[in-house]
């Protein structure tokens, strides 16, 4: 799973390469595993809501193409933490 999430982040043109995106196994849920994709964007030049939406769609496509079904697993967005104005900002997508 980690490979698929990192591949999607790498393919998105607005996700920064440094610091590198990261995936963690956050928890064991009733209906699956919860992975967190953390990534950085330039908030001065990028619409964070659009990037998060793009990544969700790309993740769904990547998993579907690789035979991983998520029909009973909702995808949830965790809003980014605040950082100083003008700095890149981390975001997380949590998949359940």
C-alpha atoms as a PDB file:
ATOM      1  CA  UNK A   1       0.000   0.000   0.000  1.00  0.00           C
ATOM      2  CA  UNK A   2       2.814   2.397   0.888  1.00  0.00           C
ATOM      3  CA  UNK A   3       4.261   2.083  -2.606  1.00  0.00           C
ATOM      4  CA  UNK A   4       0.972   3.050  -4.263  1.00  0.00           C
ATOM      5  CA  UNK A   5       0.472   6.120  -2.064  1.00  0.00           C
ATOM      6  CA  UNK A   6       4.021   7.370  -2.543  1.00  0.00           C
ATOM      7  CA  UNK A   7       3.774   6.811  -6.288  1.00  0.00           C
ATOM      8  CA  UNK A   8       0.637   8.961  -6.465  1.00  0.00           C
ATOM      9  CA  UNK A   9       2.259  11.757  -4.444  1.00  0.00           C
ATOM     10  CA  UNK A  10       5.327  11.595  -6.703  1.00  0.00           C
ATOM     11  CA  UNK A  11       3.160  11.851  -9.841  1.00  0.00           C
ATOM     12  CA  UNK A  12       1.283  14.957  -8.674  1.00  0.00           C
ATOM     13  CA  UNK A  13       3.036  18.013 -10.043  1.00  0.00           C
ATOM     14  CA  UNK A  14       2.262  20.266  -7.070  1.00  0.00           C
ATOM     15  CA  UNK A  15       3.461  17.995  -4.263  1.00  0.00           C
ATOM     16  CA  UNK A  16       6.960  19.093  -3.280  1.00  0.00           C
ATOM     17  CA  UNK A  17       9.823  16.622  -3.662  1.00  0.00           C
ATOM     18  CA  UNK A  18      11.609  17.972  -0.558  1.00  0.00           C
ATOM     19  CA  UNK A  19      10.748  17.223   2.105  1.00  0.00           C
ATOM     20  CA  UNK A  20       9.735  13.879   0.651  1.00  0.00           C
ATOM     21  CA  UNK A  21       6.180  12.563   1.078  1.00  0.00           C
ATOM     22  CA  UNK A  22       5.829   9.845   3.695  1.00  0.00           C
ATOM     23  CA  UNK A  23       3.341   7.077   4.456  1.00  0.00           C
ATOM     24  CA  UNK A  24       2.698   5.668   7.904  1.00  0.00           C
ATOM     25  CA  UNK A  25       0.464   2.871   9.118  1.00  0.00           C
ATOM     26  CA  UNK A  26      -1.580   4.892  11.592  1.00  0.00           C
ATOM     27  CA  UNK A  27      -3.922   2.316  13.088  1.00  0.00           C
ATOM     28  CA  UNK A  28      -5.808  -0.926  12.732  1.00  0.00           C
ATOM     29  CA  UNK A  29      -9.481  -0.203  12.025  1.00  0.00           C
ATOM     30  CA  UNK A  30     -12.527  -2.493  12.133  1.00  0.00           C
ATOM     31  CA  UNK A  31     -12.699  -2.709   8.337  1.00  0.00           C
ATOM     32  CA  UNK A  32      -9.087  -2.272   7.336  1.00  0.00           C
ATOM     33  CA  UNK A  33      -5.838  -0.484   7.957  1.00  0.00           C
ATOM     34  CA  UNK A  34      -5.469   3.290   8.256  1.00  0.00           C
ATOM     35  CA  UNK A  35      -2.569   4.752   6.297  1.00  0.00           C
ATOM     36  CA  UNK A  36      -1.570   8.413   6.417  1.00  0.00           C
ATOM     37  CA  UNK A  37       0.013  10.094   3.400  1.00  0.00           C
ATOM     38  CA  UNK A  38       1.895  13.202   4.508  1.00  0.00           C
ATOM     39  CA  UNK A  39       3.149  15.621   1.892  1.00  0.00           C
ATOM     40  CA  UNK A  40       4.187  19.226   1.448  1.00  0.00           C
ATOM     41  CA  UNK A  41       2.872  21.873  -0.931  1.00  0.00           C
ATOM     42  CA  UNK A  42       3.636  25.542  -1.436  1.00  0.00           C
ATOM     43  CA  UNK A  43       0.546  27.187   0.057  1.00  0.00           C
ATOM     44  CA  UNK A  44       1.379  30.540  -1.568  1.00  0.00           C
ATOM     45  CA  UNK A  45       1.070  29.072  -5.049  1.00  0.00           C
ATOM     46  CA  UNK A  46      -1.193  26.059  -4.574  1.00  0.00           C
ATOM     47  CA  UNK A  47      -4.831  25.434  -3.711  1.00  0.00           C
ATOM     48  CA  UNK A  48      -4.528  22.852  -0.931  1.00  0.00           C
ATOM     49  CA  UNK A  49      -8.148  21.715  -1.279  1.00  0.00           C
ATOM     50  CA  UNK A  50      -7.650  20.993  -4.974  1.00  0.00           C
ATOM     51  CA  UNK A  51      -4.403  19.101  -4.383  1.00  0.00           C
ATOM     52  CA  UNK A  52      -6.061  16.952  -1.686  1.00  0.00           C
ATOM     53  CA  UNK A  53      -8.965  16.222  -4.039  1.00  0.00           C
ATOM     54  CA  UNK A  54      -6.587  15.371  -6.890  1.00  0.00           C
ATOM     55  CA  UNK A  55      -4.645  13.004  -4.661  1.00  0.00           C
ATOM     56  CA  UNK A  56      -7.801  11.234  -3.445  1.00  0.00           C
ATOM     57  CA  UNK A  57      -8.909  10.639  -7.020  1.00  0.00           C
ATOM     58  CA  UNK A  58      -5.455   9.491  -8.062  1.00  0.00           C
ATOM     59  CA  UNK A  59      -5.281   7.115  -5.086  1.00  0.00           C
ATOM     60  CA  UNK A  60      -8.669   5.615  -5.921  1.00  0.00           C
ATOM     61  CA  UNK A  61      -7.609   5.116  -9.550  1.00  0.00           C
ATOM     62  CA  UNK A  62      -4.238   3.614  -8.567  1.00  0.00           C
ATOM     63  CA  UNK A  63      -5.800   1.163  -6.116  1.00  0.00           C
ATOM     64  CA  UNK A  64      -8.592   0.186  -8.507  1.00  0.00           C
ATOM     65  CA  UNK A  65      -6.088  -0.451 -11.315  1.00  0.00           C
ATOM     66  CA  UNK A  66      -4.168  -2.729  -8.966  1.00  0.00           C
ATOM     67  CA  UNK A  67      -7.192  -4.731  -7.835  1.00  0.00           C
ATOM     68  CA  UNK A  68      -7.512  -3.194  -4.380  1.00  0.00           C
ATOM     69  CA  UNK A  69     -11.185  -2.618  -3.555  1.00  0.00           C
ATOM     70  CA  UNK A  70     -12.242   0.120  -1.147  1.00  0.00           C
ATOM     71  CA  UNK A  71     -16.000  -0.262  -1.427  1.00  0.00           C
ATOM     72  CA  UNK A  72     -16.454  -0.535   2.357  1.00  0.00           C
ATOM     73  CA  UNK A  73     -13.589   1.762   3.292  1.00  0.00           C
ATOM     74  CA  UNK A  74     -14.335   5.511   3.393  1.00  0.00           C
ATOM     75  CA  UNK A  75     -11.572   7.970   2.559  1.00  0.00           C
ATOM     76  CA  UNK A  76     -11.217  10.811   5.037  1.00  0.00           C
ATOM     77  CA  UNK A  77      -9.200  14.011   4.767  1.00  0.00           C
ATOM     78  CA  UNK A  78      -7.401  15.359   7.812  1.00  0.00           C
ATOM     79  CA  UNK A  79      -6.935  19.103   7.449  1.00  0.00           C
ATOM     80  CA  UNK A  80      -3.370  20.419   7.348  1.00  0.00           C
ATOM     81  CA  UNK A  81      -1.627  21.830  10.387  1.00  0.00           C
ATOM     82  CA  UNK A  82      -0.990  25.577  10.349  1.00  0.00           C
ATOM     83  CA  UNK A  83       2.494  26.862   9.645  1.00  0.00           C
ATOM     84  CA  UNK A  84       3.950  30.324   9.235  1.00  0.00           C
ATOM     85  CA  UNK A  85       2.678  32.277   6.227  1.00  0.00           C
ATOM     86  CA  UNK A  86       4.642  31.675   3.073  1.00  0.00           C
ATOM     87  CA  UNK A  87       6.035  28.323   4.145  1.00  0.00           C
ATOM     88  CA  UNK A  88       5.189  24.966   2.674  1.00  0.00           C
ATOM     89  CA  UNK A  89       2.566  23.144   4.680  1.00  0.00           C
ATOM     90  CA  UNK A  90       2.076  19.455   5.454  1.00  0.00           C
ATOM     91  CA  UNK A  91      -1.186  17.733   4.616  1.00  0.00           C
ATOM     92  CA  UNK A  92      -2.461  14.294   5.381  1.00  0.00           C
ATOM     93  CA  UNK A  93      -4.865  11.994   3.624  1.00  0.00           C
ATOM     94  CA  UNK A  94      -6.147   9.211   5.768  1.00  0.00           C
ATOM     95  CA  UNK A  95      -7.551   6.116   4.140  1.00  0.00           C
ATOM     96  CA  UNK A  96      -9.747   3.704   6.021  1.00  0.00           C
END
